[in-house]
Amino acid sequence: ALIDTANAPIIGIDSNGRVNEWNQKAAHITEFSAEEVKGKNLVDEFISSKYKNAVKAVFDNALRGTEAANFEFPLFTKNKER
Protein backbone atom coordinates (compact mmCIF):
# COMPACT_ATOMS: atom_id res chain seq x y z
CA ALA A 1 0.00 0.00 0.00
CA LEU A 2 1.15 3.53 -0.75
CA ILE A 3 0.72 4.69 2.85
CA ASP A 4 2.83 1.86 4.22
CA THR A 5 5.76 2.56 1.90
CA ALA A 6 5.65 6.39 2.06
CA ASN A 7 8.92 8.13 2.87
CA ALA A 8 7.32 9.95 5.81
CA PRO A 9 5.78 8.66 9.01
CA ILE A 10 2.01 8.33 8.65
CA ILE A 11 0.03 7.76 11.80
CA GLY A 12 -3.74 7.45 11.94
CA ILE A 13 -5.98 7.56 14.99
CA ASP A 14 -9.65 6.83 15.52
CA SER A 15 -12.12 9.19 17.23
CA ASN A 16 -10.91 7.97 20.63
CA GLY A 17 -7.26 8.74 19.86
CA ARG A 18 -6.28 5.11 19.41
CA VAL A 19 -3.74 4.28 16.72
CA ASN A 20 -5.26 2.56 13.68
CA GLU A 21 -2.55 3.31 11.11
CA TRP A 22 1.23 3.11 11.58
CA ASN A 23 3.31 2.91 8.45
CA GLN A 24 6.79 1.47 7.94
CA LYS A 25 8.49 4.87 8.35
CA ALA A 26 6.77 5.46 11.69
CA ALA A 27 7.92 2.00 12.78
CA HIS A 28 11.48 2.69 11.62
CA ILE A 29 11.72 6.04 13.42
CA THR A 30 10.16 4.91 16.71
CA GLU A 31 11.27 1.27 16.69
CA PHE A 32 7.68 0.27 17.57
CA SER A 33 6.00 -2.08 15.12
CA ALA A 34 2.45 -1.43 13.96
CA GLU A 35 1.33 -4.45 15.99
CA GLU A 36 2.80 -2.91 19.16
CA VAL A 37 1.01 0.41 18.82
CA LYS A 38 -2.31 -0.30 17.13
CA GLY A 39 -5.19 0.13 19.54
CA LYS A 40 -3.14 2.20 22.01
CA ASN A 41 -3.87 5.84 22.76
CA LEU A 42 -1.31 7.89 20.83
CA VAL A 43 -1.26 10.94 23.11
CA ASP A 44 -1.38 9.04 26.40
CA GLU A 45 1.30 6.51 25.54
CA PHE A 46 3.62 8.04 22.95
CA ILE A 47 3.69 11.81 23.53
CA SER A 48 5.72 13.45 26.29
CA SER A 49 3.80 15.37 28.94
CA LYS A 50 5.24 18.66 27.63
CA TYR A 51 3.43 18.21 24.29
CA LYS A 52 0.31 16.22 25.27
CA ASN A 53 -2.07 19.20 25.48
CA ALA A 54 -0.96 20.74 22.17
CA VAL A 55 -1.12 17.44 20.30
CA LYS A 56 -4.50 16.56 21.79
CA ALA A 57 -5.87 19.98 20.80
CA VAL A 58 -4.75 19.52 17.18
CA PHE A 59 -6.33 16.06 17.05
CA ASP A 60 -9.56 17.26 18.68
CA ASN A 61 -9.81 20.12 16.16
CA ALA A 62 -9.19 17.71 13.28
CA LEU A 63 -11.97 15.43 14.52
CA ARG A 64 -14.32 18.46 14.53
CA GLY A 65 -13.33 19.17 10.93
CA THR A 66 -10.99 22.07 11.60
CA GLU A 67 -8.09 21.80 9.21
CA ALA A 68 -4.60 22.12 10.65
CA ALA A 69 -1.43 22.97 8.82
CA ASN A 70 1.41 20.50 9.00
CA PHE A 71 2.02 19.79 12.66
CA GLU A 72 5.17 18.18 13.97
CA PHE A 73 5.35 16.59 17.38
CA PRO A 74 7.86 14.37 19.14
CA LEU A 75 7.06 10.71 19.65
CA PHE A 76 8.68 8.48 22.18
CA THR A 77 10.84 5.71 20.75
CA LYS A 78 11.11 2.28 22.35
CA ASN A 79 14.09 3.63 24.30
CA LYS A 80 11.92 6.49 25.64
CA GLU A 81 13.82 9.03 23.54
CA ARG A 82 12.16 11.76 21.51
PDB file of N, CA and C in Angstrom:
ATOM      1  N   ALA A   1       0.838  -1.185   0.000  1.00  0.00           N
ATOM      2  CA  ALA A   1       0.000   0.000   0.000  1.00  0.00           C
ATOM      3  C   ALA A   1       0.881   1.247   0.000  1.00  0.00           C
ATOM      4  N   LEU A   2       0.404   2.279  -0.627  1.00  0.00           N
ATOM      5  CA  LEU A   2       1.149   3.526  -0.753  1.00  0.00           C
ATOM      6  C   LEU A   2       1.457   4.142   0.612  1.00  0.00           C
ATOM      7  N   ILE A   3       0.499   4.125   1.520  1.00  0.00           N
ATOM      8  CA  ILE A   3       0.720   4.690   2.855  1.00  0.00           C
ATOM      9  C   ILE A   3       1.841   3.956   3.568  1.00  0.00           C
ATOM     10  N   ASP A   4       1.845   2.648   3.480  1.00  0.00           N
ATOM     11  CA  ASP A   4       2.829   1.862   4.216  1.00  0.00           C
ATOM     12  C   ASP A   4       4.245   2.107   3.728  1.00  0.00           C
ATOM     13  N   THR A   5       4.415   2.396   2.453  1.00  0.00           N
ATOM     14  CA  THR A   5       5.759   2.564   1.903  1.00  0.00           C
ATOM     15  C   THR A   5       6.148   4.033   1.713  1.00  0.00           C
ATOM     16  N   ALA A   6       5.344   4.961   2.186  1.00  0.00           N
ATOM     17  CA  ALA A   6       5.653   6.387   2.062  1.00  0.00           C
ATOM     18  C   ALA A   6       6.964   6.707   2.772  1.00  0.00           C
ATOM     19  N   ASN A   7       7.628   7.740   2.299  1.00  0.00           N
ATOM     20  CA  ASN A   7       8.920   8.127   2.866  1.00  0.00           C
ATOM     21  C   ASN A   7       8.751   9.109   4.028  1.00  0.00           C
ATOM     22  N   ALA A   8       7.603   9.117   4.652  1.00  0.00           N
ATOM     23  CA  ALA A   8       7.318   9.955   5.813  1.00  0.00           C
ATOM     24  C   ALA A   8       6.477   9.134   6.772  1.00  0.00           C
ATOM     25  N   PRO A   9       6.620   9.401   8.062  1.00  0.00           N
ATOM     26  CA  PRO A   9       5.778   8.659   9.007  1.00  0.00           C
ATOM     27  C   PRO A   9       4.319   9.065   8.850  1.00  0.00           C
ATOM     28  N   ILE A  10       3.455   8.086   8.739  1.00  0.00           N
ATOM     29  CA  ILE A  10       2.014   8.327   8.653  1.00  0.00           C
ATOM     30  C   ILE A  10       1.360   7.559   9.787  1.00  0.00           C
ATOM     31  N   ILE A  11       0.670   8.324  10.618  1.00  0.00           N
ATOM     32  CA  ILE A  11       0.027   7.756  11.802  1.00  0.00           C
ATOM     33  C   ILE A  11      -1.435   8.148  11.757  1.00  0.00           C
ATOM     34  N   GLY A  12      -2.310   7.179  11.911  1.00  0.00           N
ATOM     35  CA  GLY A  12      -3.740   7.452  11.944  1.00  0.00           C
ATOM     36  C   GLY A  12      -4.296   7.089  13.302  1.00  0.00           C
ATOM     37  N   ILE A  13      -5.300   7.862  13.728  1.00  0.00           N
ATOM     38  CA  ILE A  13      -5.981   7.562  14.989  1.00  0.00           C
ATOM     39  C   ILE A  13      -7.480   7.557  14.748  1.00  0.00           C
ATOM     40  N   ASP A  14      -8.190   6.831  15.597  1.00  0.00           N
ATOM     41  CA  ASP A  14      -9.648   6.835  15.518  1.00  0.00           C
ATOM     42  C   ASP A  14     -10.198   7.976  16.370  1.00  0.00           C
ATOM     43  N   SER A  15     -11.496   8.072  16.495  1.00  0.00           N
ATOM     44  CA  SER A  15     -12.118   9.187  17.225  1.00  0.00           C
ATOM     45  C   SER A  15     -11.828   9.164  18.720  1.00  0.00           C
ATOM     46  N   ASN A  16     -11.297   8.053  19.215  1.00  0.00           N
ATOM     47  CA  ASN A  16     -10.906   7.966  20.626  1.00  0.00           C
ATOM     48  C   ASN A  16      -9.407   8.169  20.826  1.00  0.00           C
ATOM     49  N   GLY A  17      -8.696   8.497  19.756  1.00  0.00           N
ATOM     50  CA  GLY A  17      -7.262   8.740  19.860  1.00  0.00           C
ATOM     51  C   GLY A  17      -6.412   7.491  19.807  1.00  0.00           C
ATOM     52  N   ARG A  18      -7.027   6.367  19.479  1.00  0.00           N
ATOM     53  CA  ARG A  18      -6.283   5.106  19.414  1.00  0.00           C
ATOM     54  C   ARG A  18      -5.686   4.912  18.016  1.00  0.00           C
ATOM     55  N   VAL A  19      -4.460   4.454  17.983  1.00  0.00           N
ATOM     56  CA  VAL A  19      -3.740   4.276  16.724  1.00  0.00           C
ATOM     57  C   VAL A  19      -4.417   3.199  15.876  1.00  0.00           C
ATOM     58  N   ASN A  20      -4.708   3.545  14.608  1.00  0.00           N
ATOM     59  CA  ASN A  20      -5.261   2.559  13.684  1.00  0.00           C
ATOM     60  C   ASN A  20      -4.463   2.491  12.379  1.00  0.00           C
ATOM     61  N   GLU A  21      -3.451   3.342  12.264  1.00  0.00           N
ATOM     62  CA  GLU A  21      -2.546   3.307  11.112  1.00  0.00           C
ATOM     63  C   GLU A  21      -1.144   3.681  11.583  1.00  0.00           C
ATOM     64  N   TRP A  22      -0.167   2.906  11.154  1.00  0.00           N
ATOM     65  CA  TRP A  22       1.230   3.113  11.575  1.00  0.00           C
ATOM     66  C   TRP A  22       2.087   2.549  10.467  1.00  0.00           C
ATOM     67  N   ASN A  23       2.606   3.426   9.609  1.00  0.00           N
ATOM     68  CA  ASN A  23       3.307   2.908   8.447  1.00  0.00           C
ATOM     69  C   ASN A  23       4.749   2.493   8.762  1.00  0.00           C
ATOM     70  N   GLN A  24       5.429   1.983   7.754  1.00  0.00           N
ATOM     71  CA  GLN A  24       6.790   1.471   7.944  1.00  0.00           C
ATOM     72  C   GLN A  24       7.747   2.551   8.414  1.00  0.00           C
ATOM     73  N   LYS A  25       7.592   3.790   7.931  1.00  0.00           N
ATOM     74  CA  LYS A  25       8.490   4.874   8.347  1.00  0.00           C
ATOM     75  C   LYS A  25       8.275   5.211   9.813  1.00  0.00           C
ATOM     76  N   ALA A  26       7.042   5.224  10.277  1.00  0.00           N
ATOM     77  CA  ALA A  26       6.768   5.462  11.695  1.00  0.00           C
ATOM     78  C   ALA A  26       7.405   4.362  12.541  1.00  0.00           C
ATOM     79  N   ALA A  27       7.310   3.121  12.063  1.00  0.00           N
ATOM     80  CA  ALA A  27       7.920   2.000  12.777  1.00  0.00           C
ATOM     81  C   ALA A  27       9.444   2.134  12.806  1.00  0.00           C
ATOM     82  N   HIS A  28      10.021   2.543  11.693  1.00  0.00           N
ATOM     83  CA  HIS A  28      11.481   2.694  11.618  1.00  0.00           C
ATOM     84  C   HIS A  28      11.968   3.783  12.579  1.00  0.00           C
ATOM     85  N   ILE A  29      11.295   4.915  12.586  1.00  0.00           N
ATOM     86  CA  ILE A  29      11.718   6.042  13.423  1.00  0.00           C
ATOM     87  C   ILE A  29      11.560   5.741  14.909  1.00  0.00           C
ATOM     88  N   THR A  30      10.456   5.128  15.281  1.00  0.00           N
ATOM     89  CA  THR A  30      10.160   4.914  16.707  1.00  0.00           C
ATOM     90  C   THR A  30      10.646   3.575  17.242  1.00  0.00           C
ATOM     91  N   GLU A  31      10.899   2.644  16.338  1.00  0.00           N
ATOM     92  CA  GLU A  31      11.269   1.270  16.686  1.00  0.00           C
ATOM     93  C   GLU A  31      10.105   0.459  17.257  1.00  0.00           C
ATOM     94  N   PHE A  32       8.887   1.010  17.194  1.00  0.00           N
ATOM     95  CA  PHE A  32       7.683   0.269  17.575  1.00  0.00           C
ATOM     96  C   PHE A  32       7.045  -0.266  16.301  1.00  0.00           C
ATOM     97  N   SER A  33       6.702  -1.528  16.275  1.00  0.00           N
ATOM     98  CA  SER A  33       5.999  -2.085  15.118  1.00  0.00           C
ATOM     99  C   SER A  33       4.536  -1.651  15.163  1.00  0.00           C
ATOM    100  N   ALA A  34       3.876  -1.757  14.018  1.00  0.00           N
ATOM    101  CA  ALA A  34       2.446  -1.434  13.961  1.00  0.00           C
ATOM    102  C   ALA A  34       1.666  -2.284  14.955  1.00  0.00           C
ATOM    103  N   GLU A  35       2.032  -3.555  15.073  1.00  0.00           N
ATOM    104  CA  GLU A  35       1.329  -4.452  15.993  1.00  0.00           C
ATOM    105  C   GLU A  35       1.462  -3.989  17.443  1.00  0.00           C
ATOM    106  N   GLU A  36       2.586  -3.369  17.783  1.00  0.00           N
ATOM    107  CA  GLU A  36       2.803  -2.914  19.157  1.00  0.00           C
ATOM    108  C   GLU A  36       1.994  -1.668  19.508  1.00  0.00           C
ATOM    109  N   VAL A  37       1.675  -0.852  18.523  1.00  0.00           N
ATOM    110  CA  VAL A  37       1.012   0.414  18.821  1.00  0.00           C
ATOM    111  C   VAL A  37      -0.474   0.447  18.484  1.00  0.00           C
ATOM    112  N   LYS A  38      -0.899  -0.355  17.531  1.00  0.00           N
ATOM    113  CA  LYS A  38      -2.310  -0.301  17.126  1.00  0.00           C
ATOM    114  C   LYS A  38      -3.229  -0.596  18.313  1.00  0.00           C
ATOM    115  N   GLY A  39      -4.226   0.264  18.453  1.00  0.00           N
ATOM    116  CA  GLY A  39      -5.187   0.129  19.539  1.00  0.00           C
ATOM    117  C   GLY A  39      -4.803   0.901  20.790  1.00  0.00           C
ATOM    118  N   LYS A  40      -3.581   1.423  20.838  1.00  0.00           N
ATOM    119  CA  LYS A  40      -3.141   2.195  22.008  1.00  0.00           C
ATOM    120  C   LYS A  40      -3.411   3.671  21.773  1.00  0.00           C
ATOM    121  N   ASN A  41      -3.611   4.417  22.862  1.00  0.00           N
ATOM    122  CA  ASN A  41      -3.871   5.841  22.758  1.00  0.00           C
ATOM    123  C   ASN A  41      -2.569   6.574  22.439  1.00  0.00           C
ATOM    124  N   LEU A  42      -2.536   7.250  21.297  1.00  0.00           N
ATOM    125  CA  LEU A  42      -1.310   7.891  20.830  1.00  0.00           C
ATOM    126  C   LEU A  42      -0.812   8.946  21.815  1.00  0.00           C
ATOM    127  N   VAL A  43      -1.679   9.855  22.226  1.00  0.00           N
ATOM    128  CA  VAL A  43      -1.258  10.940  23.106  1.00  0.00           C
ATOM    129  C   VAL A  43      -0.851  10.408  24.474  1.00  0.00           C
ATOM    130  N   ASP A  44      -1.662   9.546  25.051  1.00  0.00           N
ATOM    131  CA  ASP A  44      -1.378   9.043  26.399  1.00  0.00           C
ATOM    132  C   ASP A  44      -0.093   8.231  26.472  1.00  0.00           C
ATOM    133  N   GLU A  45       0.196   7.462  25.442  1.00  0.00           N
ATOM    134  CA  GLU A  45       1.303   6.508  25.536  1.00  0.00           C
ATOM    135  C   GLU A  45       2.564   6.877  24.771  1.00  0.00           C
ATOM    136  N   PHE A  46       2.468   7.786  23.805  1.00  0.00           N
ATOM    137  CA  PHE A  46       3.624   8.038  22.955  1.00  0.00           C
ATOM    138  C   PHE A  46       4.047   9.503  22.857  1.00  0.00           C
ATOM    139  N   ILE A  47       3.359  10.396  23.561  1.00  0.00           N
ATOM    140  CA  ILE A  47       3.691  11.814  23.529  1.00  0.00           C
ATOM    141  C   ILE A  47       4.136  12.240  24.918  1.00  0.00           C
ATOM    142  N   SER A  48       5.226  12.999  24.987  1.00  0.00           N
ATOM    143  CA  SER A  48       5.721  13.454  26.292  1.00  0.00           C
ATOM    144  C   SER A  48       4.733  14.433  26.913  1.00  0.00           C
ATOM    145  N   SER A  49       4.755  14.526  28.223  1.00  0.00           N
ATOM    146  CA  SER A  49       3.803  15.373  28.935  1.00  0.00           C
ATOM    147  C   SER A  49       3.891  16.831  28.484  1.00  0.00           C
ATOM    148  N   LYS A  50       5.056  17.278  28.089  1.00  0.00           N
ATOM    149  CA  LYS A  50       5.245  18.658  27.634  1.00  0.00           C
ATOM    150  C   LYS A  50       4.394  18.981  26.403  1.00  0.00           C
ATOM    151  N   TYR A  51       4.135  17.990  25.546  1.00  0.00           N
ATOM    152  CA  TYR A  51       3.426  18.213  24.288  1.00  0.00           C
ATOM    153  C   TYR A  51       2.013  17.631  24.258  1.00  0.00           C
ATOM    154  N   LYS A  52       1.609  16.907  25.287  1.00  0.00           N
ATOM    155  CA  LYS A  52       0.307  16.224  25.266  1.00  0.00           C
ATOM    156  C   LYS A  52      -0.859  17.164  24.965  1.00  0.00           C
ATOM    157  N   ASN A  53      -0.928  18.295  25.660  1.00  0.00           N
ATOM    158  CA  ASN A  53      -2.072  19.196  25.478  1.00  0.00           C
ATOM    159  C   ASN A  53      -2.125  19.756  24.066  1.00  0.00           C
ATOM    160  N   ALA A  54      -0.985  20.165  23.525  1.00  0.00           N
ATOM    161  CA  ALA A  54      -0.959  20.737  22.174  1.00  0.00           C
ATOM    162  C   ALA A  54      -1.341  19.695  21.132  1.00  0.00           C
ATOM    163  N   VAL A  55      -0.813  18.496  21.257  1.00  0.00           N
ATOM    164  CA  VAL A  55      -1.116  17.436  20.298  1.00  0.00           C
ATOM    165  C   VAL A  55      -2.590  17.046  20.395  1.00  0.00           C
ATOM    166  N   LYS A  56      -3.092  16.914  21.608  1.00  0.00           N
ATOM    167  CA  LYS A  56      -4.505  16.559  21.787  1.00  0.00           C
ATOM    168  C   LYS A  56      -5.409  17.634  21.194  1.00  0.00           C
ATOM    169  N   ALA A  57      -5.052  18.900  21.354  1.00  0.00           N
ATOM    170  CA  ALA A  57      -5.868  19.985  20.803  1.00  0.00           C
ATOM    171  C   ALA A  57      -5.911  19.917  19.274  1.00  0.00           C
ATOM    172  N   VAL A  58      -4.777  19.640  18.642  1.00  0.00           N
ATOM    173  CA  VAL A  58      -4.747  19.521  17.182  1.00  0.00           C
ATOM    174  C   VAL A  58      -5.625  18.357  16.728  1.00  0.00           C
ATOM    175  N   PHE A  59      -5.514  17.220  17.415  1.00  0.00           N
ATOM    176  CA  PHE A  59      -6.327  16.056  17.052  1.00  0.00           C
ATOM    177  C   PHE A  59      -7.813  16.333  17.272  1.00  0.00           C
ATOM    178  N   ASP A  60      -8.151  16.954  18.400  1.00  0.00           N
ATOM    179  CA  ASP A  60      -9.561  17.264  18.679  1.00  0.00           C
ATOM    180  C   ASP A  60     -10.131  18.195  17.611  1.00  0.00           C
ATOM    181  N   ASN A  61      -9.355  19.199  17.211  1.00  0.00           N
ATOM    182  CA  ASN A  61      -9.807  20.115  16.158  1.00  0.00           C
ATOM    183  C   ASN A  61      -9.997  19.371  14.838  1.00  0.00           C
ATOM    184  N   ALA A  62      -9.077  18.482  14.527  1.00  0.00           N
ATOM    185  CA  ALA A  62      -9.191  17.707  13.283  1.00  0.00           C
ATOM    186  C   ALA A  62     -10.459  16.849  13.290  1.00  0.00           C
ATOM    187  N   LEU A  63     -10.772  16.255  14.426  1.00  0.00           N
ATOM    188  CA  LEU A  63     -11.973  15.434  14.525  1.00  0.00           C
ATOM    189  C   LEU A  63     -13.250  16.263  14.372  1.00  0.00           C
ATOM    190  N   ARG A  64     -13.168  17.555  14.705  1.00  0.00           N
ATOM    191  CA  ARG A  64     -14.316  18.459  14.530  1.00  0.00           C
ATOM    192  C   ARG A  64     -14.350  19.041  13.122  1.00  0.00           C
ATOM    193  N   GLY A  65     -13.353  18.691  12.301  1.00  0.00           N
ATOM    194  CA  GLY A  65     -13.331  19.171  10.927  1.00  0.00           C
ATOM    195  C   GLY A  65     -12.518  20.422  10.710  1.00  0.00           C
ATOM    196  N   THR A  66     -11.836  20.901  11.744  1.00  0.00           N
ATOM    197  CA  THR A  66     -10.986  22.074  11.604  1.00  0.00           C
ATOM    198  C   THR A  66      -9.646  21.640  11.035  1.00  0.00           C
ATOM    199  N   GLU A  67      -9.322  22.188   9.887  1.00  0.00           N
ATOM    200  CA  GLU A  67      -8.086  21.801   9.213  1.00  0.00           C
ATOM    201  C   GLU A  67      -6.885  22.415   9.921  1.00  0.00           C
ATOM    202  N   ALA A  68      -5.847  21.637  10.053  1.00  0.00           N
ATOM    203  CA  ALA A  68      -4.602  22.123  10.650  1.00  0.00           C
ATOM    204  C   ALA A  68      -3.509  22.078   9.599  1.00  0.00           C
ATOM    205  N   ALA A  69      -2.610  23.010   9.689  1.00  0.00           N
ATOM    206  CA  ALA A  69      -1.434  22.974   8.816  1.00  0.00           C
ATOM    207  C   ALA A  69      -0.570  21.804   9.271  1.00  0.00           C
ATOM    208  N   ASN A  70       0.498  21.552   8.564  1.00  0.00           N
ATOM    209  CA  ASN A  70       1.412  20.497   9.001  1.00  0.00           C
ATOM    210  C   ASN A  70       1.774  20.728  10.455  1.00  0.00           C
ATOM    211  N   PHE A  71       1.763  19.688  11.223  1.00  0.00           N
ATOM    212  CA  PHE A  71       2.019  19.793  12.660  1.00  0.00           C
ATOM    213  C   PHE A  71       3.007  18.718  13.044  1.00  0.00           C
ATOM    214  N   GLU A  72       4.154  19.136  13.543  1.00  0.00           N
ATOM    215  CA  GLU A  72       5.169  18.178  13.974  1.00  0.00           C
ATOM    216  C   GLU A  72       5.131  18.047  15.480  1.00  0.00           C
ATOM    217  N   PHE A  73       5.303  16.814  15.947  1.00  0.00           N
ATOM    218  CA  PHE A  73       5.347  16.587  17.383  1.00  0.00           C
ATOM    219  C   PHE A  73       6.279  15.420  17.663  1.00  0.00           C
ATOM    220  N   PRO A  74       6.932  15.464  18.809  1.00  0.00           N
ATOM    221  CA  PRO A  74       7.861  14.375  19.138  1.00  0.00           C
ATOM    222  C   PRO A  74       7.120  13.146  19.636  1.00  0.00           C
ATOM    223  N   LEU A  75       7.570  11.998  19.177  1.00  0.00           N
ATOM    224  CA  LEU A  75       7.056  10.709  19.646  1.00  0.00           C
ATOM    225  C   LEU A  75       8.141  10.025  20.451  1.00  0.00           C
ATOM    226  N   PHE A  76       7.735   9.297  21.459  1.00  0.00           N
ATOM    227  CA  PHE A  76       8.681   8.477  22.182  1.00  0.00           C
ATOM    228  C   PHE A  76       9.104   7.299  21.304  1.00  0.00           C
ATOM    229  N   THR A  77      10.378   6.939  21.382  1.00  0.00           N
ATOM    230  CA  THR A  77      10.836   5.709  20.754  1.00  0.00           C
ATOM    231  C   THR A  77      10.751   4.603  21.798  1.00  0.00           C
ATOM    232  N   LYS A  78      11.100   3.400  21.394  1.00  0.00           N
ATOM    233  CA  LYS A  78      11.109   2.284  22.352  1.00  0.00           C
ATOM    234  C   LYS A  78      12.051   2.555  23.522  1.00  0.00           C
ATOM    235  N   ASN A  79      13.107   3.317  23.256  1.00  0.00           N
ATOM    236  CA  ASN A  79      14.088   3.630  24.300  1.00  0.00           C
ATOM    237  C   ASN A  79      13.693   4.863  25.113  1.00  0.00           C
ATOM    238  N   LYS A  80      12.465   5.326  24.948  1.00  0.00           N
ATOM    239  CA  LYS A  80      11.917   6.489  25.638  1.00  0.00           C
ATOM    240  C   LYS A  80      12.638   7.777  25.263  1.00  0.00           C
ATOM    241  N   GLU A  81      13.220   7.807  24.062  1.00  0.00           N
ATOM    242  CA  GLU A  81      13.821   9.026  23.545  1.00  0.00           C
ATOM    243  C   GLU A  81      12.787   9.730  22.697  1.00  0.00           C
ATOM    244  N   ARG A  82      13.048  11.017  22.403  1.00  0.00           N
ATOM    245  CA  ARG A  82      12.157  11.757  21.511  1.00  0.00           C
ATOM    246  C   ARG A  82      12.890  12.053  20.230  1.00  0.00           C
TER     247      ARG A  82
END
